[in-house]
Amino acid sequence: EGWECKPEEKSESENGGKYAGIQLKEFESVDKLMEKVSPEQLKVELARIGMKCGGTPLDRAKRLWCARDKPLEELPAKLFTKKKGQGNGHGHGHGSKSSGGNELQQHQGGNQRRIDIAKLEVIVSTILGQLRPTLDATARRAERRLTQTMNEKEKEMEEEINGAYDDTNADKG
């Protein structure tokens, strides 16, 4: 399964630019949204619609909450990421009348890269979480190996090859 466009990702364009990923109407407040939606999900959804996705989880939830009752083109430009070539704020204005619906279309088209990056961040974080015990055990073993004497290293190697070595019976014989 690849990164093909999921049905919930298509809904934005089908709904005339109104946010439809997480059903915001189901939440009574920003606090309820934060309880039910992880910070990473908030980040992915904000990136998907072209809004700034940095800051604290509360900042993200508040930003996303703004899209609850309004179409994207009616939201303030400061909530959205700057496009390439926009410079230091001259000649912008999200949804301005001079650019019409074309700017929203450009915003949606340019968001795919941010969506992919946010998805990859979630995947990497998940994999790292699963590998954390192995990484920690490897680090502990490497530290232990650095402090072992040559005899201890040889004994450990022999145990790994032949199974657990029991030298208590060797002394009796």
N, C-alpha and C. Protein backbone atom coordinates (compact mmCIF):
# COMPACT_ATOMS: atom_id res chain seq x y z
N GLU A 1 0.85 -1.18 0.00
CA GLU A 1 0.00 0.00 0.00
C GLU A 1 0.89 1.23 0.00
N GLY A 2 0.68 2.11 -0.93
CA GLY A 2 1.50 3.30 -1.08
C GLY A 2 0.84 4.50 -0.44
N TRP A 3 1.25 5.69 -0.89
CA TRP A 3 0.74 6.94 -0.36
C TRP A 3 -0.36 7.51 -1.23
N GLU A 4 -1.10 6.61 -1.92
CA GLU A 4 -2.16 7.13 -2.77
C GLU A 4 -3.15 7.95 -1.94
N CYS A 5 -3.83 8.82 -2.61
CA CYS A 5 -4.73 9.75 -1.95
C CYS A 5 -5.88 8.99 -1.29
N LYS A 6 -6.02 9.14 0.00
CA LYS A 6 -7.06 8.48 0.76
C LYS A 6 -8.36 9.27 0.60
N PRO A 7 -9.52 8.62 0.82
CA PRO A 7 -10.80 9.32 0.67
C PRO A 7 -10.90 10.59 1.51
N GLU A 8 -10.37 10.55 2.74
CA GLU A 8 -10.47 11.75 3.58
C GLU A 8 -9.62 12.89 3.06
N GLU A 9 -8.57 12.58 2.28
CA GLU A 9 -7.72 13.62 1.70
C GLU A 9 -8.40 14.26 0.49
N LYS A 10 -9.24 13.50 -0.20
CA LYS A 10 -9.95 14.03 -1.35
C LYS A 10 -11.10 14.95 -0.94
N SER A 11 -11.58 14.78 0.29
CA SER A 11 -12.77 15.49 0.72
C SER A 11 -12.61 17.00 0.72
N GLU A 12 -11.38 17.50 0.92
CA GLU A 12 -11.17 18.94 0.95
C GLU A 12 -11.58 19.59 -0.36
N SER A 13 -11.11 19.03 -1.47
CA SER A 13 -11.44 19.64 -2.75
C SER A 13 -12.91 19.42 -3.11
N GLU A 14 -13.47 18.31 -2.68
CA GLU A 14 -14.87 18.02 -2.98
C GLU A 14 -15.81 18.91 -2.17
N ASN A 15 -15.35 19.41 -1.03
CA ASN A 15 -16.19 20.24 -0.18
C ASN A 15 -15.94 21.73 -0.40
N GLY A 16 -15.44 22.10 -1.55
CA GLY A 16 -15.25 23.51 -1.87
C GLY A 16 -14.21 24.19 -1.01
N GLY A 17 -13.19 23.44 -0.56
CA GLY A 17 -12.13 24.04 0.22
C GLY A 17 -12.39 24.05 1.71
N LYS A 18 -13.55 23.62 2.16
CA LYS A 18 -13.84 23.58 3.58
C LYS A 18 -13.17 22.36 4.19
N TYR A 19 -12.57 22.54 5.34
CA TYR A 19 -11.84 21.45 6.00
C TYR A 19 -12.78 20.31 6.34
N ALA A 20 -12.39 19.06 5.99
CA ALA A 20 -13.27 17.93 6.26
C ALA A 20 -12.50 16.70 6.74
N GLY A 21 -11.22 16.82 7.07
CA GLY A 21 -10.43 15.67 7.50
C GLY A 21 -10.91 15.14 8.84
N ILE A 22 -10.65 15.86 9.91
CA ILE A 22 -11.18 15.54 11.22
C ILE A 22 -12.52 16.26 11.31
N GLN A 23 -13.53 15.57 11.75
CA GLN A 23 -14.86 16.18 11.83
C GLN A 23 -14.92 17.10 13.05
N LEU A 24 -14.55 18.34 12.84
CA LEU A 24 -14.43 19.31 13.93
C LEU A 24 -15.78 19.60 14.61
N LYS A 25 -16.86 19.44 13.89
CA LYS A 25 -18.19 19.71 14.46
C LYS A 25 -18.51 18.75 15.60
N GLU A 26 -17.83 17.60 15.63
CA GLU A 26 -18.06 16.61 16.69
C GLU A 26 -17.46 17.03 18.02
N PHE A 27 -16.61 18.05 18.02
CA PHE A 27 -15.95 18.48 19.24
C PHE A 27 -16.58 19.77 19.74
N GLU A 28 -16.77 19.85 21.06
CA GLU A 28 -17.40 21.02 21.65
C GLU A 28 -16.43 22.18 21.86
N SER A 29 -15.13 21.85 22.00
CA SER A 29 -14.15 22.89 22.29
C SER A 29 -12.77 22.45 21.83
N VAL A 30 -11.84 23.38 21.89
CA VAL A 30 -10.44 23.08 21.55
C VAL A 30 -9.90 22.03 22.51
N ASP A 31 -10.28 22.13 23.79
CA ASP A 31 -9.81 21.16 24.78
C ASP A 31 -10.29 19.74 24.45
N LYS A 32 -11.53 19.60 24.03
CA LYS A 32 -12.05 18.29 23.66
C LYS A 32 -11.33 17.76 22.42
N LEU A 33 -11.02 18.65 21.49
CA LEU A 33 -10.26 18.27 20.30
C LEU A 33 -8.89 17.73 20.70
N MET A 34 -8.23 18.41 21.63
CA MET A 34 -6.90 17.98 22.08
C MET A 34 -6.95 16.64 22.81
N GLU A 35 -8.06 16.37 23.50
CA GLU A 35 -8.18 15.09 24.22
C GLU A 35 -8.27 13.91 23.26
N LYS A 36 -8.96 14.11 22.15
CA LYS A 36 -9.26 12.99 21.24
C LYS A 36 -8.28 12.86 20.07
N VAL A 37 -7.57 13.93 19.73
CA VAL A 37 -6.70 13.92 18.55
C VAL A 37 -5.26 14.14 19.00
N SER A 38 -4.38 13.27 18.55
CA SER A 38 -2.97 13.37 18.96
C SER A 38 -2.30 14.59 18.34
N PRO A 39 -1.22 15.08 18.95
CA PRO A 39 -0.49 16.22 18.38
C PRO A 39 0.01 15.94 16.96
N GLU A 40 0.41 14.70 16.70
CA GLU A 40 0.89 14.35 15.36
C GLU A 40 -0.25 14.41 14.34
N GLN A 41 -1.44 13.96 14.73
CA GLN A 41 -2.59 14.03 13.82
C GLN A 41 -2.95 15.48 13.53
N LEU A 42 -2.86 16.32 14.55
CA LEU A 42 -3.13 17.75 14.34
C LEU A 42 -2.14 18.32 13.33
N LYS A 43 -0.87 17.94 13.48
CA LYS A 43 0.17 18.42 12.58
C LYS A 43 -0.09 17.98 11.14
N VAL A 44 -0.45 16.70 10.97
CA VAL A 44 -0.72 16.18 9.63
C VAL A 44 -1.90 16.92 9.00
N GLU A 45 -2.96 17.12 9.77
CA GLU A 45 -4.14 17.79 9.23
C GLU A 45 -3.87 19.24 8.89
N LEU A 46 -3.12 19.93 9.74
CA LEU A 46 -2.78 21.33 9.44
C LEU A 46 -1.93 21.41 8.18
N ALA A 47 -0.96 20.52 8.04
CA ALA A 47 -0.11 20.51 6.85
C ALA A 47 -0.94 20.20 5.61
N ARG A 48 -1.90 19.33 5.77
CA ARG A 48 -2.74 18.92 4.64
C ARG A 48 -3.50 20.09 4.04
N ILE A 49 -3.92 21.00 4.88
CA ILE A 49 -4.70 22.13 4.36
C ILE A 49 -3.86 23.39 4.20
N GLY A 50 -2.54 23.27 4.43
CA GLY A 50 -1.65 24.39 4.16
C GLY A 50 -1.51 25.38 5.29
N MET A 51 -2.01 25.01 6.46
CA MET A 51 -1.88 25.91 7.60
C MET A 51 -0.56 25.64 8.31
N LYS A 52 -0.09 26.62 9.06
CA LYS A 52 1.13 26.45 9.84
C LYS A 52 0.91 25.29 10.80
N CYS A 53 1.91 24.40 10.90
CA CYS A 53 1.72 23.21 11.73
C CYS A 53 2.72 23.11 12.87
N GLY A 54 3.44 24.20 13.16
CA GLY A 54 4.39 24.19 14.26
C GLY A 54 3.74 24.62 15.56
N GLY A 55 4.57 24.79 16.57
CA GLY A 55 4.09 25.26 17.86
C GLY A 55 3.67 24.12 18.77
N THR A 56 3.08 24.49 19.87
CA THR A 56 2.64 23.51 20.86
C THR A 56 1.39 22.81 20.35
N PRO A 57 1.04 21.67 20.93
CA PRO A 57 -0.21 21.01 20.54
C PRO A 57 -1.43 21.93 20.72
N LEU A 58 -1.41 22.77 21.76
CA LEU A 58 -2.52 23.71 21.95
C LEU A 58 -2.59 24.72 20.81
N ASP A 59 -1.42 25.23 20.39
CA ASP A 59 -1.39 26.16 19.25
C ASP A 59 -1.97 25.51 18.01
N ARG A 60 -1.58 24.27 17.77
CA ARG A 60 -2.06 23.54 16.59
C ARG A 60 -3.58 23.35 16.65
N ALA A 61 -4.06 22.95 17.83
CA ALA A 61 -5.50 22.72 17.98
C ALA A 61 -6.28 24.01 17.75
N LYS A 62 -5.79 25.12 18.29
CA LYS A 62 -6.47 26.41 18.10
C LYS A 62 -6.50 26.81 16.63
N ARG A 63 -5.37 26.59 15.94
CA ARG A 63 -5.29 26.92 14.52
C ARG A 63 -6.29 26.09 13.71
N LEU A 64 -6.33 24.81 14.02
CA LEU A 64 -7.25 23.92 13.32
C LEU A 64 -8.70 24.27 13.64
N TRP A 65 -8.93 24.68 14.88
CA TRP A 65 -10.28 25.05 15.32
C TRP A 65 -10.84 26.21 14.49
N CYS A 66 -9.95 27.08 14.04
CA CYS A 66 -10.39 28.22 13.21
C CYS A 66 -11.06 27.75 11.92
N ALA A 67 -10.69 26.56 11.45
CA ALA A 67 -11.25 26.04 10.20
C ALA A 67 -12.57 25.31 10.42
N ARG A 68 -13.08 25.34 11.63
CA ARG A 68 -14.29 24.58 11.97
C ARG A 68 -15.52 25.09 11.23
N ASP A 69 -15.72 26.38 11.22
CA ASP A 69 -16.96 26.94 10.67
C ASP A 69 -16.78 27.80 9.43
N LYS A 70 -15.53 27.94 8.97
CA LYS A 70 -15.29 28.83 7.83
C LYS A 70 -14.56 28.10 6.72
N PRO A 71 -14.85 28.47 5.47
CA PRO A 71 -14.04 27.95 4.36
C PRO A 71 -12.61 28.49 4.47
N LEU A 72 -11.67 27.77 3.95
CA LEU A 72 -10.25 28.16 4.07
C LEU A 72 -9.98 29.55 3.52
N GLU A 73 -10.63 29.92 2.43
CA GLU A 73 -10.33 31.21 1.81
C GLU A 73 -10.79 32.39 2.66
N GLU A 74 -11.63 32.15 3.67
CA GLU A 74 -12.08 33.22 4.57
C GLU A 74 -11.19 33.36 5.81
N LEU A 75 -10.26 32.46 6.01
CA LEU A 75 -9.39 32.50 7.19
C LEU A 75 -8.26 33.50 6.97
N PRO A 76 -7.72 34.09 8.03
CA PRO A 76 -6.63 35.06 7.90
C PRO A 76 -5.36 34.42 7.31
N ALA A 77 -4.65 35.18 6.52
CA ALA A 77 -3.43 34.69 5.86
C ALA A 77 -2.36 34.28 6.86
N LYS A 78 -2.36 34.89 8.04
CA LYS A 78 -1.32 34.58 9.02
C LYS A 78 -1.39 33.14 9.53
N LEU A 79 -2.52 32.47 9.32
CA LEU A 79 -2.66 31.08 9.75
C LEU A 79 -2.02 30.10 8.77
N PHE A 80 -1.71 30.57 7.58
CA PHE A 80 -1.20 29.71 6.52
C PHE A 80 0.31 29.88 6.36
N THR A 81 0.93 28.83 5.82
CA THR A 81 2.36 28.91 5.55
C THR A 81 2.59 29.84 4.37
N LYS A 82 3.76 30.47 4.34
CA LYS A 82 4.10 31.32 3.22
C LYS A 82 4.50 30.46 2.04
N LYS A 83 4.09 30.91 0.86
CA LYS A 83 4.46 30.19 -0.36
C LYS A 83 5.85 30.63 -0.80
N LYS A 84 6.50 29.78 -1.58
CA LYS A 84 7.81 30.15 -2.13
C LYS A 84 7.67 31.41 -2.97
N GLY A 85 8.67 32.26 -2.88
CA GLY A 85 8.66 33.47 -3.68
C GLY A 85 7.82 34.58 -3.08
N GLN A 86 7.27 34.33 -1.89
CA GLN A 86 6.42 35.35 -1.28
C GLN A 86 7.24 36.43 -0.61
N GLY A 87 8.48 36.08 -0.26
CA GLY A 87 9.38 37.07 0.31
C GLY A 87 9.01 37.42 1.73
N ASN A 88 9.16 38.68 2.07
CA ASN A 88 8.94 39.11 3.45
C ASN A 88 7.54 39.66 3.69
N GLY A 89 6.57 39.09 3.05
CA GLY A 89 5.20 39.48 3.32
C GLY A 89 4.61 40.40 2.29
N HIS A 90 5.38 40.82 1.28
CA HIS A 90 4.83 41.71 0.26
C HIS A 90 4.07 40.90 -0.78
N GLY A 91 2.95 41.41 -1.19
CA GLY A 91 2.18 40.79 -2.26
C GLY A 91 1.52 39.49 -1.87
N HIS A 92 1.11 39.35 -0.63
CA HIS A 92 0.36 38.14 -0.27
C HIS A 92 -0.97 38.53 0.32
N GLY A 93 -1.71 37.54 0.67
CA GLY A 93 -3.05 37.74 1.21
C GLY A 93 -3.85 36.54 0.81
N HIS A 94 -3.97 35.60 1.71
CA HIS A 94 -4.63 34.35 1.40
C HIS A 94 -6.07 34.61 0.96
N GLY A 95 -6.40 34.13 -0.20
CA GLY A 95 -7.76 34.29 -0.70
C GLY A 95 -8.07 35.70 -1.14
N SER A 96 -7.09 36.47 -1.53
CA SER A 96 -7.37 37.84 -1.95
C SER A 96 -8.20 37.85 -3.21
N LYS A 97 -8.92 38.94 -3.43
CA LYS A 97 -9.83 39.00 -4.56
C LYS A 97 -9.09 39.00 -5.89
N SER A 98 -7.87 39.50 -5.93
CA SER A 98 -7.14 39.56 -7.19
C SER A 98 -6.75 38.18 -7.69
N SER A 99 -6.51 37.24 -6.76
CA SER A 99 -6.11 35.92 -7.20
C SER A 99 -7.29 34.97 -7.31
N GLY A 100 -8.41 35.33 -6.75
CA GLY A 100 -9.60 34.51 -6.85
C GLY A 100 -9.41 33.14 -6.24
N GLY A 101 -10.03 32.11 -6.81
CA GLY A 101 -9.93 30.74 -6.31
C GLY A 101 -8.64 30.08 -6.70
N ASN A 102 -7.88 30.70 -7.60
CA ASN A 102 -6.63 30.11 -8.07
C ASN A 102 -5.62 29.92 -6.94
N GLU A 103 -5.58 30.85 -6.00
CA GLU A 103 -4.63 30.74 -4.88
C GLU A 103 -4.95 29.53 -4.01
N LEU A 104 -6.24 29.29 -3.76
CA LEU A 104 -6.64 28.12 -2.99
C LEU A 104 -6.22 26.84 -3.71
N GLN A 105 -6.40 26.82 -5.01
CA GLN A 105 -6.01 25.65 -5.79
C GLN A 105 -4.50 25.43 -5.72
N GLN A 106 -3.71 26.51 -5.78
CA GLN A 106 -2.26 26.39 -5.66
C GLN A 106 -1.88 25.90 -4.27
N HIS A 107 -2.60 26.40 -3.26
CA HIS A 107 -2.34 25.98 -1.89
C HIS A 107 -2.56 24.47 -1.74
N GLN A 108 -3.67 23.97 -2.29
CA GLN A 108 -3.99 22.56 -2.19
C GLN A 108 -2.97 21.72 -2.94
N GLY A 109 -2.56 22.16 -4.10
CA GLY A 109 -1.58 21.41 -4.89
C GLY A 109 -0.22 21.39 -4.24
N GLY A 110 0.17 22.48 -3.60
CA GLY A 110 1.48 22.57 -2.96
C GLY A 110 1.54 21.87 -1.61
N ASN A 111 0.41 21.44 -1.11
CA ASN A 111 0.37 20.82 0.21
C ASN A 111 0.78 19.36 0.19
N GLN A 112 0.77 18.72 -0.96
CA GLN A 112 1.06 17.29 -1.02
C GLN A 112 2.44 16.98 -0.43
N ARG A 113 3.42 17.81 -0.69
CA ARG A 113 4.77 17.58 -0.16
C ARG A 113 4.76 17.66 1.36
N ARG A 114 4.06 18.66 1.91
CA ARG A 114 3.98 18.78 3.37
C ARG A 114 3.23 17.61 3.98
N ILE A 115 2.20 17.14 3.30
CA ILE A 115 1.44 15.98 3.78
C ILE A 115 2.36 14.77 3.84
N ASP A 116 3.11 14.56 2.77
CA ASP A 116 4.02 13.41 2.73
C ASP A 116 5.08 13.50 3.82
N ILE A 117 5.62 14.68 4.04
CA ILE A 117 6.63 14.86 5.08
C ILE A 117 6.02 14.59 6.46
N ALA A 118 4.83 15.10 6.72
CA ALA A 118 4.19 14.88 8.01
C ALA A 118 3.90 13.40 8.22
N LYS A 119 3.46 12.70 7.18
CA LYS A 119 3.22 11.26 7.28
C LYS A 119 4.51 10.52 7.57
N LEU A 120 5.58 10.90 6.89
CA LEU A 120 6.87 10.25 7.13
C LEU A 120 7.36 10.50 8.55
N GLU A 121 7.14 11.69 9.07
CA GLU A 121 7.53 11.98 10.45
C GLU A 121 6.80 11.07 11.43
N VAL A 122 5.51 10.85 11.19
CA VAL A 122 4.73 9.97 12.06
C VAL A 122 5.26 8.54 11.96
N ILE A 123 5.56 8.08 10.74
CA ILE A 123 6.08 6.72 10.55
C ILE A 123 7.42 6.55 11.24
N VAL A 124 8.32 7.51 11.05
CA VAL A 124 9.65 7.43 11.66
C VAL A 124 9.52 7.42 13.18
N SER A 125 8.66 8.26 13.73
CA SER A 125 8.47 8.30 15.19
C SER A 125 7.94 6.96 15.70
N THR A 126 7.01 6.37 14.98
CA THR A 126 6.44 5.08 15.37
C THR A 126 7.49 3.98 15.32
N ILE A 127 8.25 3.93 14.25
CA ILE A 127 9.29 2.91 14.11
C ILE A 127 10.35 3.09 15.19
N LEU A 128 10.74 4.32 15.44
CA LEU A 128 11.74 4.58 16.48
C LEU A 128 11.21 4.13 17.84
N GLY A 129 9.95 4.36 18.09
CA GLY A 129 9.35 3.90 19.35
C GLY A 129 9.39 2.39 19.47
N GLN A 130 9.16 1.68 18.36
CA GLN A 130 9.21 0.23 18.39
C GLN A 130 10.63 -0.29 18.53
N LEU A 131 11.59 0.43 17.97
CA LEU A 131 12.98 -0.01 18.02
C LEU A 131 13.72 0.46 19.27
N ARG A 132 13.13 1.36 20.04
CA ARG A 132 13.80 1.94 21.19
C ARG A 132 14.36 0.87 22.14
N PRO A 133 13.62 -0.19 22.53
CA PRO A 133 14.20 -1.20 23.43
C PRO A 133 15.44 -1.88 22.84
N THR A 134 15.42 -2.17 21.56
CA THR A 134 16.57 -2.80 20.91
C THR A 134 17.76 -1.84 20.87
N LEU A 135 17.50 -0.58 20.55
CA LEU A 135 18.58 0.41 20.53
C LEU A 135 19.20 0.59 21.92
N ASP A 136 18.36 0.65 22.94
CA ASP A 136 18.87 0.80 24.31
C ASP A 136 19.69 -0.41 24.73
N ALA A 137 19.20 -1.62 24.41
CA ALA A 137 19.93 -2.84 24.75
C ALA A 137 21.27 -2.89 24.02
N THR A 138 21.30 -2.47 22.77
CA THR A 138 22.54 -2.45 22.00
C THR A 138 23.54 -1.47 22.61
N ALA A 139 23.05 -0.31 23.00
CA ALA A 139 23.94 0.69 23.63
C ALA A 139 24.50 0.16 24.94
N ARG A 140 23.66 -0.49 25.75
CA ARG A 140 24.13 -1.06 27.02
C ARG A 140 25.19 -2.13 26.78
N ARG A 141 24.94 -2.97 25.79
CA ARG A 141 25.89 -4.05 25.49
C ARG A 141 27.22 -3.47 24.99
N ALA A 142 27.16 -2.45 24.15
CA ALA A 142 28.38 -1.82 23.65
C ALA A 142 29.18 -1.21 24.80
N GLU A 143 28.51 -0.57 25.73
CA GLU A 143 29.19 0.00 26.89
C GLU A 143 29.83 -1.09 27.74
N ARG A 144 29.08 -2.19 27.94
CA ARG A 144 29.61 -3.30 28.73
C ARG A 144 30.84 -3.91 28.05
N ARG A 145 30.78 -4.06 26.73
CA ARG A 145 31.90 -4.65 25.99
C ARG A 145 33.16 -3.78 26.10
N LEU A 146 32.99 -2.48 26.16
CA LEU A 146 34.14 -1.58 26.29
C LEU A 146 34.87 -1.75 27.62
N THR A 147 34.15 -2.19 28.66
CA THR A 147 34.75 -2.31 29.99
C THR A 147 35.16 -3.73 30.34
N GLN A 148 34.89 -4.70 29.46
CA GLN A 148 35.24 -6.09 29.74
C GLN A 148 36.73 -6.35 29.51
N THR A 149 37.24 -7.30 30.30
CA THR A 149 38.61 -7.76 30.07
C THR A 149 38.60 -8.75 28.92
N MET A 150 39.77 -9.11 28.42
CA MET A 150 39.86 -10.05 27.31
C MET A 150 39.28 -11.41 27.70
N ASN A 151 39.55 -11.87 28.93
CA ASN A 151 39.02 -13.16 29.38
C ASN A 151 37.49 -13.14 29.42
N GLU A 152 36.91 -12.04 29.91
CA GLU A 152 35.45 -11.93 29.95
C GLU A 152 34.85 -11.93 28.54
N LYS A 153 35.51 -11.26 27.60
CA LYS A 153 35.04 -11.25 26.21
C LYS A 153 35.08 -12.65 25.62
N GLU A 154 36.21 -13.38 25.86
CA GLU A 154 36.34 -14.75 25.34
C GLU A 154 35.27 -15.66 25.92
N LYS A 155 35.03 -15.54 27.23
CA LYS A 155 34.01 -16.37 27.89
C LYS A 155 32.62 -16.07 27.32
N GLU A 156 32.31 -14.81 27.11
CA GLU A 156 31.01 -14.44 26.54
C GLU A 156 30.86 -14.96 25.12
N MET A 157 31.94 -14.90 24.34
CA MET A 157 31.90 -15.40 22.97
C MET A 157 31.67 -16.91 22.97
N GLU A 158 32.33 -17.62 23.88
CA GLU A 158 32.16 -19.06 23.99
C GLU A 158 30.73 -19.41 24.38
N GLU A 159 30.15 -18.63 25.30
CA GLU A 159 28.76 -18.85 25.71
C GLU A 159 27.80 -18.65 24.55
N GLU A 160 28.06 -17.64 23.72
CA GLU A 160 27.20 -17.38 22.57
C GLU A 160 27.28 -18.52 21.55
N ILE A 161 28.48 -19.08 21.38
CA ILE A 161 28.65 -20.15 20.39
C ILE A 161 28.12 -21.48 20.91
N ASN A 162 28.46 -21.84 22.15
CA ASN A 162 28.14 -23.16 22.70
C ASN A 162 26.94 -23.17 23.63
N GLY A 163 26.32 -22.09 23.85
CA GLY A 163 25.26 -22.01 24.83
C GLY A 163 25.85 -21.58 26.15
N ALA A 164 25.06 -21.55 27.19
CA ALA A 164 25.55 -21.10 28.50
C ALA A 164 26.63 -22.05 28.99
N TYR A 165 27.75 -21.49 29.38
CA TYR A 165 28.90 -22.27 29.84
C TYR A 165 28.82 -22.39 31.36
N ASP A 166 28.85 -23.60 31.84
CA ASP A 166 28.77 -23.84 33.28
C ASP A 166 30.08 -24.40 33.76
N ASP A 167 30.88 -23.57 34.46
CA ASP A 167 32.20 -24.02 34.89
C ASP A 167 32.17 -24.54 36.32
N THR A 168 31.02 -24.64 36.96
CA THR A 168 30.95 -25.15 38.33
C THR A 168 31.24 -26.64 38.37
N ASN A 169 30.82 -27.42 37.35
CA ASN A 169 31.08 -28.85 37.31
C ASN A 169 32.51 -29.15 36.92
N ALA A 170 33.17 -28.25 36.22
CA ALA A 170 34.55 -28.46 35.77
C ALA A 170 35.50 -28.49 36.96
N ASP A 171 35.21 -27.78 38.03
CA ASP A 171 36.06 -27.74 39.21
C ASP A 171 35.98 -29.03 40.02
N LYS A 172 34.84 -29.74 39.92
CA LYS A 172 34.62 -30.95 40.71
C LYS A 172 35.36 -32.15 40.12
N GLY A 173 35.57 -32.19 38.82
CA GLY A 173 36.08 -33.37 38.14
C GLY A 173 37.53 -33.49 38.20
